[in-house]
Amino acid sequence: MAYTHPDRETIRRILEETDTIAVVGLSDNPDRASYQVSAAMQAKGYRIVPVNPNADTILGEKCYPSLKAIPFPVDLVNVFRRSEYCADIAREAAEIGAKTLWLQLGIVSEEAAEIARAAGMNVVMDRCIKVEDSILLPEGKSSRRPG
């Protein structure tokens, strides 16, 4: 089944239900998009979990070498890796019970989408999570859930 983008309300629901975001390919270089997007999401109230085997901490958070190494639940896996790596990342995301696989702007993998959908995950590809969040939840995390 060919991928189609979720509608705006589905993306809004995904963001509202997300607290913890594992970022695969998060760079410790502040000039990189992965760092800038993750810093913005962290500032909006999401917990960012860096997945980068080459760094100890990024954005003040402990880095993990893989998704499977994260010792707590993750809601969403945000991917900043080339599409040829995404199927393996989708398998690992399914193994850890993530609810959503999100491939950043410019990244598309039908194989990853199929793996994630088969595991019951939401799939968003070729979209920037920061842009979607700023459009759909402009008030930030505090507006996401009452109380």
N, C-alpha and C. Protein backbone atom coordinates (compact mmCIF):
# COMPACT_ATOMS: atom_id res chain seq x y z
N MET A 1 0.84 -1.18 0.00
CA MET A 1 0.00 0.00 0.00
C MET A 1 0.89 1.25 0.00
N ALA A 2 0.69 2.13 -0.95
CA ALA A 2 1.50 3.33 -1.06
C ALA A 2 1.21 4.29 0.10
N TYR A 3 2.22 4.96 0.53
CA TYR A 3 2.11 5.89 1.65
C TYR A 3 1.32 7.12 1.24
N THR A 4 0.46 7.57 2.13
CA THR A 4 -0.20 8.87 1.99
C THR A 4 -0.03 9.59 3.33
N HIS A 5 0.17 10.89 3.25
CA HIS A 5 0.36 11.67 4.48
C HIS A 5 -0.91 11.62 5.33
N PRO A 6 -0.74 11.50 6.65
CA PRO A 6 -1.90 11.60 7.53
C PRO A 6 -2.52 13.00 7.41
N ASP A 7 -3.81 13.10 7.68
CA ASP A 7 -4.44 14.41 7.65
C ASP A 7 -3.99 15.23 8.86
N ARG A 8 -4.29 16.52 8.83
CA ARG A 8 -3.85 17.45 9.87
C ARG A 8 -4.34 17.03 11.27
N GLU A 9 -5.58 16.59 11.35
CA GLU A 9 -6.11 16.20 12.67
C GLU A 9 -5.38 14.97 13.23
N THR A 10 -5.00 14.04 12.36
CA THR A 10 -4.24 12.88 12.81
C THR A 10 -2.87 13.31 13.31
N ILE A 11 -2.22 14.20 12.59
CA ILE A 11 -0.91 14.68 13.03
C ILE A 11 -1.04 15.45 14.34
N ARG A 12 -2.08 16.27 14.46
CA ARG A 12 -2.31 16.99 15.72
C ARG A 12 -2.47 16.00 16.88
N ARG A 13 -3.25 14.94 16.68
CA ARG A 13 -3.47 13.93 17.72
C ARG A 13 -2.15 13.25 18.08
N ILE A 14 -1.35 12.91 17.08
CA ILE A 14 -0.05 12.29 17.34
C ILE A 14 0.79 13.20 18.23
N LEU A 15 0.87 14.47 17.89
CA LEU A 15 1.67 15.41 18.66
C LEU A 15 1.11 15.60 20.07
N GLU A 16 -0.20 15.68 20.19
CA GLU A 16 -0.82 15.84 21.50
C GLU A 16 -0.54 14.65 22.41
N GLU A 17 -0.46 13.46 21.82
CA GLU A 17 -0.26 12.24 22.61
C GLU A 17 1.21 11.90 22.82
N THR A 18 2.11 12.71 22.29
CA THR A 18 3.54 12.45 22.39
C THR A 18 4.17 13.28 23.50
N ASP A 19 4.92 12.58 24.36
CA ASP A 19 5.72 13.27 25.37
C ASP A 19 7.21 13.05 25.12
N THR A 20 7.60 11.80 24.78
CA THR A 20 9.00 11.44 24.65
C THR A 20 9.32 11.14 23.19
N ILE A 21 10.33 11.85 22.67
CA ILE A 21 10.74 11.71 21.27
C ILE A 21 12.18 11.23 21.23
N ALA A 22 12.41 10.03 20.71
CA ALA A 22 13.76 9.55 20.46
C ALA A 22 14.16 10.07 19.09
N VAL A 23 15.30 10.73 19.01
CA VAL A 23 15.75 11.34 17.75
C VAL A 23 16.96 10.56 17.24
N VAL A 24 16.72 9.75 16.20
CA VAL A 24 17.79 8.94 15.60
C VAL A 24 18.55 9.82 14.62
N GLY A 25 19.86 9.93 14.85
CA GLY A 25 20.68 10.78 14.00
C GLY A 25 20.79 12.20 14.51
N LEU A 26 20.48 12.42 15.79
CA LEU A 26 20.60 13.76 16.37
C LEU A 26 22.07 14.13 16.48
N SER A 27 22.44 15.22 15.84
CA SER A 27 23.82 15.70 15.83
C SER A 27 24.07 16.61 17.03
N ASP A 28 25.32 16.61 17.53
CA ASP A 28 25.68 17.55 18.59
C ASP A 28 26.16 18.89 18.01
N ASN A 29 26.07 19.05 16.70
CA ASN A 29 26.46 20.28 16.02
C ASN A 29 25.25 21.22 15.93
N PRO A 30 25.29 22.37 16.63
CA PRO A 30 24.15 23.30 16.64
C PRO A 30 23.76 23.83 15.27
N ASP A 31 24.63 23.69 14.26
CA ASP A 31 24.32 24.15 12.91
C ASP A 31 23.49 23.15 12.12
N ARG A 32 23.37 21.93 12.62
CA ARG A 32 22.64 20.88 11.89
C ARG A 32 21.14 20.98 12.16
N ALA A 33 20.34 20.63 11.16
CA ALA A 33 18.88 20.68 11.29
C ALA A 33 18.39 19.79 12.43
N SER A 34 19.00 18.61 12.60
CA SER A 34 18.53 17.70 13.65
C SER A 34 18.66 18.36 15.02
N TYR A 35 19.73 19.10 15.24
CA TYR A 35 19.94 19.78 16.52
C TYR A 35 18.92 20.92 16.68
N GLN A 36 18.76 21.71 15.65
CA GLN A 36 17.85 22.86 15.72
C GLN A 36 16.40 22.43 15.93
N VAL A 37 15.98 21.42 15.18
CA VAL A 37 14.61 20.91 15.32
C VAL A 37 14.40 20.34 16.72
N SER A 38 15.35 19.54 17.19
CA SER A 38 15.21 18.91 18.50
C SER A 38 15.24 19.94 19.62
N ALA A 39 16.09 20.96 19.50
CA ALA A 39 16.13 22.02 20.51
C ALA A 39 14.79 22.75 20.57
N ALA A 40 14.20 23.00 19.42
CA ALA A 40 12.91 23.68 19.38
C ALA A 40 11.81 22.80 20.01
N MET A 41 11.84 21.51 19.72
CA MET A 41 10.84 20.60 20.30
C MET A 41 11.03 20.48 21.81
N GLN A 42 12.28 20.46 22.25
CA GLN A 42 12.57 20.41 23.68
C GLN A 42 12.04 21.68 24.36
N ALA A 43 12.23 22.83 23.73
CA ALA A 43 11.75 24.09 24.27
C ALA A 43 10.23 24.13 24.35
N LYS A 44 9.56 23.36 23.48
CA LYS A 44 8.10 23.30 23.50
C LYS A 44 7.59 22.34 24.57
N GLY A 45 8.48 21.60 25.23
CA GLY A 45 8.06 20.75 26.33
C GLY A 45 8.16 19.26 26.10
N TYR A 46 8.64 18.85 24.94
CA TYR A 46 8.81 17.43 24.67
C TYR A 46 10.13 16.96 25.30
N ARG A 47 10.16 15.71 25.75
CA ARG A 47 11.42 15.12 26.21
C ARG A 47 12.14 14.57 25.00
N ILE A 48 13.35 15.05 24.76
CA ILE A 48 14.16 14.61 23.63
C ILE A 48 15.16 13.57 24.13
N VAL A 49 15.23 12.45 23.42
CA VAL A 49 16.17 11.38 23.74
C VAL A 49 17.09 11.19 22.54
N PRO A 50 18.34 11.67 22.65
CA PRO A 50 19.26 11.54 21.51
C PRO A 50 19.68 10.09 21.28
N VAL A 51 19.62 9.66 20.02
CA VAL A 51 20.15 8.35 19.64
C VAL A 51 21.32 8.63 18.70
N ASN A 52 22.52 8.57 19.30
CA ASN A 52 23.75 8.87 18.58
C ASN A 52 24.88 8.15 19.29
N PRO A 53 25.45 7.11 18.66
CA PRO A 53 26.50 6.34 19.33
C PRO A 53 27.82 7.10 19.47
N ASN A 54 27.94 8.27 18.87
CA ASN A 54 29.20 9.02 18.87
C ASN A 54 29.22 10.20 19.82
N ALA A 55 28.21 10.32 20.68
CA ALA A 55 28.17 11.44 21.63
C ALA A 55 27.69 10.93 22.98
N ASP A 56 28.06 11.64 24.04
CA ASP A 56 27.63 11.27 25.40
C ASP A 56 26.34 11.99 25.78
N THR A 57 26.29 13.29 25.50
CA THR A 57 25.09 14.06 25.79
C THR A 57 24.87 15.06 24.66
N ILE A 58 23.61 15.33 24.38
CA ILE A 58 23.22 16.36 23.42
C ILE A 58 21.99 17.04 24.01
N LEU A 59 21.98 18.36 23.97
CA LEU A 59 20.87 19.15 24.51
C LEU A 59 20.62 18.81 25.99
N GLY A 60 21.71 18.48 26.70
CA GLY A 60 21.60 18.18 28.12
C GLY A 60 21.03 16.81 28.43
N GLU A 61 20.81 15.99 27.41
CA GLU A 61 20.23 14.65 27.59
C GLU A 61 21.25 13.58 27.27
N LYS A 62 21.21 12.49 28.03
CA LYS A 62 22.09 11.34 27.79
C LYS A 62 21.80 10.75 26.42
N CYS A 63 22.86 10.45 25.67
CA CYS A 63 22.72 9.81 24.37
C CYS A 63 22.71 8.30 24.53
N TYR A 64 21.98 7.64 23.64
CA TYR A 64 21.94 6.19 23.59
C TYR A 64 22.44 5.75 22.23
N PRO A 65 23.14 4.60 22.17
CA PRO A 65 23.70 4.14 20.90
C PRO A 65 22.66 3.58 19.94
N SER A 66 21.49 3.21 20.46
CA SER A 66 20.43 2.64 19.63
C SER A 66 19.10 2.84 20.33
N LEU A 67 18.02 2.63 19.62
CA LEU A 67 16.70 2.71 20.24
C LEU A 67 16.55 1.65 21.32
N LYS A 68 17.06 0.44 21.05
CA LYS A 68 16.91 -0.65 22.01
C LYS A 68 17.64 -0.40 23.32
N ALA A 69 18.61 0.50 23.32
CA ALA A 69 19.38 0.80 24.53
C ALA A 69 18.63 1.77 25.46
N ILE A 70 17.57 2.40 25.00
CA ILE A 70 16.81 3.35 25.82
C ILE A 70 16.02 2.55 26.86
N PRO A 71 16.24 2.83 28.16
CA PRO A 71 15.63 2.01 29.21
C PRO A 71 14.23 2.44 29.66
N PHE A 72 13.56 3.24 28.87
CA PHE A 72 12.21 3.70 29.22
C PHE A 72 11.40 3.83 27.93
N PRO A 73 10.07 3.92 28.05
CA PRO A 73 9.22 3.99 26.85
C PRO A 73 9.43 5.28 26.05
N VAL A 74 9.29 5.13 24.75
CA VAL A 74 9.40 6.24 23.80
C VAL A 74 8.09 6.30 23.02
N ASP A 75 7.52 7.49 22.88
CA ASP A 75 6.27 7.64 22.14
C ASP A 75 6.49 7.71 20.64
N LEU A 76 7.50 8.48 20.24
CA LEU A 76 7.71 8.79 18.83
C LEU A 76 9.19 8.67 18.50
N VAL A 77 9.49 8.08 17.35
CA VAL A 77 10.86 8.00 16.86
C VAL A 77 10.96 8.94 15.67
N ASN A 78 11.78 10.00 15.84
CA ASN A 78 11.99 11.00 14.80
C ASN A 78 13.33 10.70 14.14
N VAL A 79 13.33 10.54 12.82
CA VAL A 79 14.50 10.02 12.11
C VAL A 79 15.15 11.09 11.23
N PHE A 80 16.43 11.30 11.50
CA PHE A 80 17.28 12.17 10.68
C PHE A 80 18.39 11.33 10.05
N ARG A 81 18.02 10.27 9.40
CA ARG A 81 19.00 9.41 8.70
C ARG A 81 18.50 9.21 7.28
N ARG A 82 19.42 8.88 6.38
CA ARG A 82 19.04 8.65 4.98
C ARG A 82 18.06 7.49 4.88
N SER A 83 17.27 7.51 3.83
CA SER A 83 16.18 6.55 3.68
C SER A 83 16.64 5.10 3.70
N GLU A 84 17.87 4.82 3.24
CA GLU A 84 18.31 3.41 3.21
C GLU A 84 18.48 2.83 4.62
N TYR A 85 18.54 3.67 5.65
CA TYR A 85 18.65 3.18 7.03
C TYR A 85 17.29 3.04 7.72
N CYS A 86 16.26 3.55 7.10
CA CYS A 86 14.97 3.69 7.78
C CYS A 86 14.24 2.37 8.05
N ALA A 87 14.39 1.37 7.20
CA ALA A 87 13.71 0.09 7.45
C ALA A 87 14.23 -0.54 8.75
N ASP A 88 15.54 -0.53 8.94
CA ASP A 88 16.11 -1.07 10.18
C ASP A 88 15.67 -0.26 11.39
N ILE A 89 15.61 1.05 11.24
CA ILE A 89 15.15 1.92 12.33
C ILE A 89 13.69 1.62 12.63
N ALA A 90 12.87 1.41 11.60
CA ALA A 90 11.46 1.08 11.81
C ALA A 90 11.31 -0.24 12.57
N ARG A 91 12.13 -1.23 12.22
CA ARG A 91 12.08 -2.51 12.94
C ARG A 91 12.41 -2.32 14.42
N GLU A 92 13.44 -1.53 14.68
CA GLU A 92 13.85 -1.27 16.06
C GLU A 92 12.78 -0.47 16.80
N ALA A 93 12.17 0.50 16.13
CA ALA A 93 11.10 1.28 16.74
C ALA A 93 9.92 0.38 17.10
N ALA A 94 9.61 -0.56 16.22
CA ALA A 94 8.53 -1.51 16.51
C ALA A 94 8.89 -2.39 17.71
N GLU A 95 10.15 -2.82 17.78
CA GLU A 95 10.60 -3.67 18.88
C GLU A 95 10.47 -2.98 20.24
N ILE A 96 10.70 -1.68 20.29
CA ILE A 96 10.62 -0.97 21.57
C ILE A 96 9.21 -0.46 21.86
N GLY A 97 8.27 -0.70 20.95
CA GLY A 97 6.88 -0.32 21.21
C GLY A 97 6.56 1.15 20.99
N ALA A 98 7.35 1.83 20.16
CA ALA A 98 7.04 3.23 19.85
C ALA A 98 5.68 3.30 19.15
N LYS A 99 4.98 4.41 19.33
CA LYS A 99 3.66 4.57 18.74
C LYS A 99 3.72 5.19 17.35
N THR A 100 4.78 5.96 17.08
CA THR A 100 4.88 6.69 15.81
C THR A 100 6.29 6.66 15.27
N LEU A 101 6.40 6.45 13.96
CA LEU A 101 7.65 6.59 13.22
C LEU A 101 7.52 7.85 12.38
N TRP A 102 8.41 8.81 12.59
CA TRP A 102 8.35 10.09 11.88
C TRP A 102 9.67 10.28 11.15
N LEU A 103 9.61 10.27 9.82
CA LEU A 103 10.79 10.53 9.00
C LEU A 103 10.77 12.01 8.61
N GLN A 104 11.87 12.69 8.89
CA GLN A 104 11.94 14.13 8.69
C GLN A 104 11.81 14.53 7.22
N LEU A 105 11.69 15.81 7.00
CA LEU A 105 11.54 16.40 5.68
C LEU A 105 12.62 15.88 4.74
N GLY A 106 12.23 15.39 3.59
CA GLY A 106 13.17 14.89 2.60
C GLY A 106 13.48 13.40 2.73
N ILE A 107 12.92 12.75 3.75
CA ILE A 107 13.20 11.33 3.97
C ILE A 107 11.92 10.53 3.72
N VAL A 108 12.02 9.56 2.79
CA VAL A 108 10.89 8.71 2.44
C VAL A 108 11.40 7.28 2.33
N SER A 109 10.67 6.34 2.94
CA SER A 109 10.99 4.92 2.82
C SER A 109 9.70 4.13 2.91
N GLU A 110 9.24 3.66 1.75
CA GLU A 110 8.02 2.84 1.74
C GLU A 110 8.20 1.58 2.59
N GLU A 111 9.40 0.99 2.53
CA GLU A 111 9.66 -0.21 3.31
C GLU A 111 9.53 0.07 4.81
N ALA A 112 10.10 1.18 5.27
CA ALA A 112 9.99 1.56 6.69
C ALA A 112 8.53 1.80 7.06
N ALA A 113 7.79 2.45 6.17
CA ALA A 113 6.37 2.72 6.44
C ALA A 113 5.59 1.42 6.58
N GLU A 114 5.86 0.47 5.70
CA GLU A 114 5.17 -0.83 5.77
C GLU A 114 5.50 -1.56 7.07
N ILE A 115 6.76 -1.55 7.46
CA ILE A 115 7.17 -2.21 8.71
C ILE A 115 6.47 -1.57 9.90
N ALA A 116 6.47 -0.24 9.93
CA ALA A 116 5.84 0.48 11.04
C ALA A 116 4.34 0.25 11.08
N ARG A 117 3.69 0.34 9.93
CA ARG A 117 2.24 0.12 9.89
C ARG A 117 1.89 -1.30 10.32
N ALA A 118 2.68 -2.29 9.89
CA ALA A 118 2.43 -3.68 10.27
C ALA A 118 2.53 -3.87 11.78
N ALA A 119 3.34 -3.01 12.43
CA ALA A 119 3.49 -3.07 13.88
C ALA A 119 2.45 -2.21 14.61
N GLY A 120 1.54 -1.62 13.85
CA GLY A 120 0.48 -0.80 14.45
C GLY A 120 0.89 0.62 14.76
N MET A 121 1.99 1.06 14.17
CA MET A 121 2.47 2.42 14.43
C MET A 121 1.87 3.43 13.46
N ASN A 122 1.78 4.68 13.93
CA ASN A 122 1.50 5.80 13.03
C ASN A 122 2.75 6.06 12.20
N VAL A 123 2.57 6.55 10.99
CA VAL A 123 3.72 6.85 10.13
C VAL A 123 3.54 8.24 9.53
N VAL A 124 4.59 9.05 9.67
CA VAL A 124 4.65 10.35 9.02
C VAL A 124 6.01 10.40 8.33
N MET A 125 6.00 10.75 7.04
CA MET A 125 7.26 10.85 6.29
C MET A 125 7.32 12.19 5.56
N ASP A 126 8.55 12.63 5.31
CA ASP A 126 8.78 13.81 4.49
C ASP A 126 8.06 15.04 5.05
N ARG A 127 8.07 15.13 6.39
CA ARG A 127 7.47 16.28 7.07
C ARG A 127 8.40 16.67 8.21
N CYS A 128 8.50 17.96 8.49
CA CYS A 128 9.30 18.44 9.62
C CYS A 128 8.42 18.52 10.85
N ILE A 129 8.79 17.79 11.90
CA ILE A 129 7.99 17.75 13.11
C ILE A 129 7.89 19.13 13.76
N LYS A 130 8.96 19.92 13.68
CA LYS A 130 8.94 21.26 14.25
C LYS A 130 7.93 22.15 13.54
N VAL A 131 7.90 22.08 12.22
CA VAL A 131 6.96 22.89 11.45
C VAL A 131 5.52 22.45 11.76
N GLU A 132 5.28 21.14 11.74
CA GLU A 132 3.93 20.65 12.01
C GLU A 132 3.48 21.05 13.41
N ASP A 133 4.36 20.91 14.39
CA ASP A 133 4.02 21.26 15.76
C ASP A 133 3.73 22.76 15.89
N SER A 134 4.53 23.60 15.24
CA SER A 134 4.32 25.04 15.37
C SER A 134 3.02 25.48 14.70
N ILE A 135 2.60 24.78 13.65
CA ILE A 135 1.34 25.11 12.98
C ILE A 135 0.15 24.57 13.78
N LEU A 136 0.24 23.31 14.21
CA LEU A 136 -0.91 22.64 14.82
C LEU A 136 -1.05 22.90 16.32
N LEU A 137 0.07 23.13 17.00
CA LEU A 137 0.05 23.39 18.45
C LEU A 137 0.90 24.62 18.77
N PRO A 138 0.48 25.78 18.26
CA PRO A 138 1.31 26.98 18.38
C PRO A 138 1.55 27.44 19.81
N GLU A 139 0.69 27.05 20.74
CA GLU A 139 0.85 27.48 22.12
C GLU A 139 1.84 26.63 22.90
N GLY A 140 2.32 25.55 22.30
CA GLY A 140 3.30 24.70 22.98
C GLY A 140 2.66 23.57 23.76
N LYS A 141 3.49 22.84 24.49
CA LYS A 141 3.06 21.66 25.21
C LYS A 141 1.96 21.97 26.22
N SER A 142 2.01 23.12 26.83
CA SER A 142 1.01 23.46 27.85
C SER A 142 -0.40 23.46 27.28
N SER A 143 -0.52 23.68 25.97
CA SER A 143 -1.84 23.70 25.35
C SER A 143 -2.29 22.29 24.95
N ARG A 144 -1.37 21.32 25.04
CA ARG A 144 -1.68 20.00 24.53
C ARG A 144 -2.63 19.23 25.43
N ARG A 145 -2.44 19.38 26.74
CA ARG A 145 -3.27 18.62 27.66
C ARG A 145 -3.67 19.51 28.82
N PRO A 146 -4.95 19.50 29.19
CA PRO A 146 -5.35 20.29 30.35
C PRO A 146 -4.74 19.71 31.62
N GLY A 147 -4.49 20.62 32.59
CA GLY A 147 -4.01 20.17 33.91
C GLY A 147 -2.56 20.03 33.91
